[in-house]
Amino acid sequence: MARGDEADRPKLSVRRYRLGLWAVAVISLVGAGLGLIGRSMSHSAIHGGDWRVDASLIAVTAVAFVVLLVVLVLPPYTARRDRLVAQVRQARSDAVVIPAYSSRDLWSEAVEAGAGTGGIARRLTTTLAVALVGDTAEIWIRDDREPRWFVRRTDSRVELRQIEMGQTSQLGLRISDGVRSVSFVPHYGVTNTIGSVERALADLGEDPADHLAP
C-alpha cells in the first residue's frame, strides 16, 4: 500500500485534539448556562420572580431536552449502522468492515466514481460501511446488494481529514487511489472519535502512530 513520504506526513496531536474538544464543550456549556441564568434574571427582574428558581427550572429543562434528544436520535442511527454492517458481513463474510458516517464529501465522491447517489444525502449524514476485501476497499450504502464503488488499496493513500457533518466537522479518514476516493468518520460502537480513527487505521493496515502524535 502506498504510504507517501512518512517524514513529511503531518500528524494530529491526540492530546491537543482532545483538549480542543473539551474546551469547545466547556465553553459551550458555560455560555449556555450563563445565557439561561441571565435571561432568567432579566425575566425575574421584570416580573418580580425568584431568578434562582427560574434558572434552576431552565437548567433542568435544558438537561432533560439534551437527554431526550440523545435517547431519540442516537438509537436510530446506531441501529441503521448495525443493520448495514450485518448486511455487508452476510455478503462478504471474510471482509473487515469499518462502520462509518459521512456527509457532503460522500455524494461528490460517488459522482466522481461514476456510482449512483441513491441513499446518499448531499447535506445530511449518510450511514456507510467500508468493507476491506483483498486489495480493495468497498463502499456500501444502506440497502445495497453490492458495493456502490471501491478504492484500490494497493495504490491508495490514507490520510486524516476533517469531515463536514452538517454544520460541524469531525475527525475522519480519506482513502484515495488517485481515481476513486471515500471520506468517512469511522464509528465502532461506543468508542470515541480518536479510538475509532485509531482502530480504522489499524484495520486499513496503517500504523496509527504515523498519523496521530501522542
Protein backbone atom coordinates (compact mmCIF):
# COMPACT_ATOMS: atom_id res chain seq x y z
CA MET A 1 0.00 0.00 0.00
CA ALA A 2 1.35 3.39 -0.93
CA ARG A 3 2.01 5.46 2.16
CA GLY A 4 3.69 8.53 0.74
CA ASP A 5 6.57 10.26 2.41
CA GLU A 6 6.30 9.33 6.10
CA ALA A 7 8.71 12.07 7.16
CA ASP A 8 6.58 14.80 5.59
CA ARG A 9 3.22 13.48 6.75
CA PRO A 10 1.58 15.84 9.25
CA LYS A 11 0.43 14.19 12.45
CA LEU A 12 -2.50 15.09 14.62
CA SER A 13 -1.74 15.50 18.29
CA VAL A 14 -4.24 13.29 20.11
CA ARG A 15 -3.79 15.21 23.35
CA ARG A 16 -4.28 18.57 21.64
CA TYR A 17 -7.34 17.31 19.75
CA ARG A 18 -8.99 16.00 22.93
CA LEU A 19 -8.19 19.21 24.80
CA GLY A 20 -9.76 21.15 21.94
CA LEU A 21 -12.94 19.08 22.14
CA TRP A 22 -13.11 19.57 25.91
CA ALA A 23 -12.53 23.31 25.53
CA VAL A 24 -15.33 23.63 22.98
CA ALA A 25 -17.67 21.58 25.17
CA VAL A 26 -16.87 23.55 28.34
CA ILE A 27 -17.16 26.93 26.62
CA SER A 28 -20.46 25.90 25.05
CA LEU A 29 -21.88 24.66 28.35
CA VAL A 30 -20.70 27.72 30.28
CA GLY A 31 -22.05 30.05 27.61
CA ALA A 32 -25.39 28.27 27.54
CA GLY A 33 -25.59 28.29 31.34
CA LEU A 34 -24.77 31.99 31.63
CA GLY A 35 -27.25 32.77 28.89
CA LEU A 36 -30.02 30.87 30.64
CA ILE A 37 -29.27 32.46 34.01
CA GLY A 38 -29.03 35.93 32.51
CA ARG A 39 -32.32 35.52 30.72
CA SER A 40 -33.93 34.18 33.87
CA MET A 41 -32.62 37.10 35.97
CA SER A 42 -33.88 39.59 33.42
CA HIS A 43 -37.28 37.93 33.34
CA SER A 44 -37.46 37.83 37.14
CA ALA A 45 -36.43 41.48 37.50
CA ILE A 46 -39.27 42.49 35.22
CA HIS A 47 -41.91 40.17 36.63
CA GLY A 48 -40.79 40.03 40.27
CA GLY A 49 -39.99 36.31 40.42
CA ASP A 50 -37.12 34.43 42.08
CA TRP A 51 -34.41 34.24 39.41
CA ARG A 52 -32.65 31.34 41.16
CA VAL A 53 -35.75 29.18 40.95
CA ASP A 54 -36.31 30.19 37.34
CA ALA A 55 -32.66 29.44 36.45
CA SER A 56 -32.86 26.02 38.09
CA LEU A 57 -36.01 25.16 36.19
CA ILE A 58 -34.49 26.30 32.91
CA ALA A 59 -31.29 24.33 33.56
CA VAL A 60 -33.23 21.16 34.41
CA THR A 61 -35.37 21.62 31.31
CA ALA A 62 -32.28 22.09 29.13
CA VAL A 63 -30.62 18.95 30.51
CA ALA A 64 -33.82 16.96 30.05
CA PHE A 65 -34.07 18.20 26.46
CA VAL A 66 -30.49 17.10 25.69
CA VAL A 67 -31.06 13.68 27.27
CA LEU A 68 -34.30 13.26 25.33
CA LEU A 69 -32.56 14.28 22.12
CA VAL A 70 -29.82 11.69 22.68
CA VAL A 71 -32.35 8.99 23.51
CA LEU A 72 -34.45 9.72 20.43
CA VAL A 73 -31.72 10.45 17.86
CA LEU A 74 -28.85 8.07 18.62
CA PRO A 75 -30.69 4.71 18.62
CA PRO A 76 -31.99 5.05 15.02
CA TYR A 77 -28.51 5.98 13.79
CA THR A 78 -26.78 3.11 15.59
CA ALA A 79 -29.49 0.63 14.57
CA ARG A 80 -29.14 1.71 10.94
CA ARG A 81 -25.37 1.34 11.17
CA ASP A 82 -25.58 -2.10 12.78
CA ARG A 83 -28.05 -3.35 10.15
CA LEU A 84 -25.75 -2.20 7.36
CA VAL A 85 -22.72 -3.87 8.95
CA ALA A 86 -24.67 -7.13 9.31
CA GLN A 87 -25.81 -6.85 5.70
CA VAL A 88 -22.25 -6.37 4.44
CA ARG A 89 -20.88 -9.20 6.57
CA GLN A 90 -23.53 -11.51 5.18
CA ALA A 91 -22.39 -10.69 1.64
CA ARG A 92 -18.67 -10.52 2.49
CA SER A 93 -18.08 -13.00 5.29
CA ASP A 94 -14.29 -12.69 5.01
CA ALA A 95 -14.21 -8.88 4.99
CA VAL A 96 -13.09 -6.49 7.70
CA VAL A 97 -15.94 -3.99 7.96
CA ILE A 98 -15.49 -0.40 9.11
CA PRO A 99 -18.83 1.16 10.15
CA ALA A 100 -18.91 4.86 9.45
CA TYR A 101 -20.81 8.06 8.74
CA SER A 102 -20.17 10.72 6.16
CA SER A 103 -21.78 13.84 4.76
CA ARG A 104 -21.13 16.26 1.92
CA ASP A 105 -17.94 14.71 0.54
CA LEU A 106 -19.50 11.29 0.02
CA TRP A 107 -22.02 12.48 -2.57
CA SER A 108 -19.29 14.13 -4.66
CA GLU A 109 -17.05 11.09 -4.35
CA ALA A 110 -19.85 8.82 -5.58
CA VAL A 111 -20.36 11.06 -8.62
CA GLU A 112 -16.61 11.12 -9.34
CA ALA A 113 -16.51 7.31 -9.11
CA GLY A 114 -19.39 7.03 -11.58
CA ALA A 115 -21.58 5.42 -8.92
CA GLY A 116 -25.23 6.03 -8.15
CA THR A 117 -26.10 8.56 -5.47
CA GLY A 118 -29.33 6.97 -4.24
CA GLY A 119 -29.42 6.89 -0.45
CA ILE A 120 -26.55 9.37 -0.15
CA ALA A 121 -27.51 12.69 1.41
CA ARG A 122 -25.92 15.80 -0.07
CA ARG A 123 -26.02 17.74 3.19
CA LEU A 124 -27.18 15.42 5.95
CA THR A 125 -25.44 12.40 7.46
CA THR A 126 -25.20 9.17 5.47
CA THR A 127 -24.54 5.79 7.05
CA LEU A 128 -21.99 3.69 5.18
CA ALA A 129 -19.71 0.73 5.62
CA VAL A 130 -16.22 0.27 4.20
CA ALA A 131 -15.53 -3.41 3.56
CA LEU A 132 -11.88 -4.37 3.20
CA VAL A 133 -11.79 -7.29 0.78
CA GLY A 134 -8.40 -8.32 -0.56
CA ASP A 135 -6.75 -5.30 -2.17
CA THR A 136 -9.93 -3.22 -2.38
CA ALA A 137 -11.97 -1.07 -0.03
CA GLU A 138 -15.64 -1.44 -0.96
CA ILE A 139 -18.13 1.29 -0.15
CA TRP A 140 -21.58 0.08 0.85
CA ILE A 141 -24.67 2.21 1.43
CA ARG A 142 -27.87 1.12 3.15
CA ASP A 143 -29.93 -1.44 1.17
CA ASP A 144 -27.13 -2.03 -1.35
CA ARG A 145 -26.96 -5.59 -2.68
CA GLU A 146 -23.44 -4.99 -3.94
CA PRO A 147 -20.76 -2.38 -3.27
CA ARG A 148 -21.56 1.06 -4.64
CA TRP A 149 -17.93 1.63 -5.65
CA PHE A 150 -14.46 0.66 -4.50
CA VAL A 151 -10.99 2.08 -3.94
CA ARG A 152 -7.89 0.05 -4.80
CA ARG A 153 -5.87 -0.27 -1.61
CA THR A 154 -2.65 -1.24 -3.39
CA ASP A 155 -2.44 2.25 -4.90
CA SER A 156 -4.22 4.15 -2.16
CA ARG A 157 -3.21 6.85 0.26
CA VAL A 158 -4.84 7.06 3.68
CA GLU A 159 -4.95 10.45 5.33
CA LEU A 160 -6.62 12.20 8.23
CA ARG A 161 -9.06 14.98 7.45
CA GLN A 162 -11.93 16.90 8.97
CA ILE A 163 -15.21 15.54 7.60
CA GLU A 164 -18.05 18.05 7.39
CA MET A 165 -21.09 16.71 9.24
CA GLY A 166 -23.94 19.17 8.84
CA GLN A 167 -22.86 22.44 10.44
CA THR A 168 -19.85 20.92 12.20
CA SER A 169 -16.91 18.71 11.30
CA GLN A 170 -15.40 15.60 12.84
CA LEU A 171 -12.06 13.89 12.55
CA GLY A 172 -12.16 11.17 9.92
CA LEU A 173 -10.25 9.46 7.14
CA ARG A 174 -9.95 9.74 3.39
CA ILE A 175 -8.83 6.86 1.19
CA SER A 176 -7.92 7.64 -2.41
CA ASP A 177 -6.26 5.65 -5.19
CA GLY A 178 -5.99 8.66 -7.48
CA VAL A 179 -9.16 7.76 -9.38
CA ARG A 180 -11.76 6.99 -6.72
CA SER A 181 -11.93 8.01 -3.09
CA VAL A 182 -14.06 7.84 0.04
CA SER A 183 -14.15 10.12 3.08
CA PHE A 184 -15.77 8.99 6.31
CA VAL A 185 -15.89 9.21 10.09
CA PRO A 186 -15.38 5.69 11.50
CA HIS A 187 -17.63 4.78 14.39
CA TYR A 188 -17.23 1.45 16.16
CA GLY A 189 -19.88 1.07 18.84
CA VAL A 190 -19.41 3.47 21.73
CA THR A 191 -15.73 4.27 21.21
CA ASN A 192 -14.77 7.91 20.96
CA THR A 193 -13.66 9.60 17.76
CA ILE A 194 -9.94 9.12 18.32
CA GLY A 195 -10.43 5.49 19.35
CA SER A 196 -12.48 4.77 16.23
CA VAL A 197 -9.94 6.51 13.98
CA GLU A 198 -7.10 4.52 15.53
CA ARG A 199 -8.96 1.25 15.04
CA ALA A 200 -9.88 2.11 11.44
CA LEU A 201 -6.25 2.97 10.67
CA ALA A 202 -5.17 -0.39 12.09
CA ASP A 203 -7.85 -2.20 10.06
CA LEU A 204 -6.54 -0.44 6.96
CA GLY A 205 -3.04 -1.74 7.67
CA GLU A 206 -1.79 1.66 8.77
CA ASP A 207 0.21 2.40 11.89
CA PRO A 208 -1.84 4.94 13.89
CA ALA A 209 1.45 6.42 15.16
CA ASP A 210 2.22 7.52 11.58
CA HIS A 211 -0.87 9.75 11.67
CA LEU A 212 -1.52 10.59 15.33
CA ALA A 213 1.02 12.20 17.61
CA PRO A 214 0.82 11.43 21.38
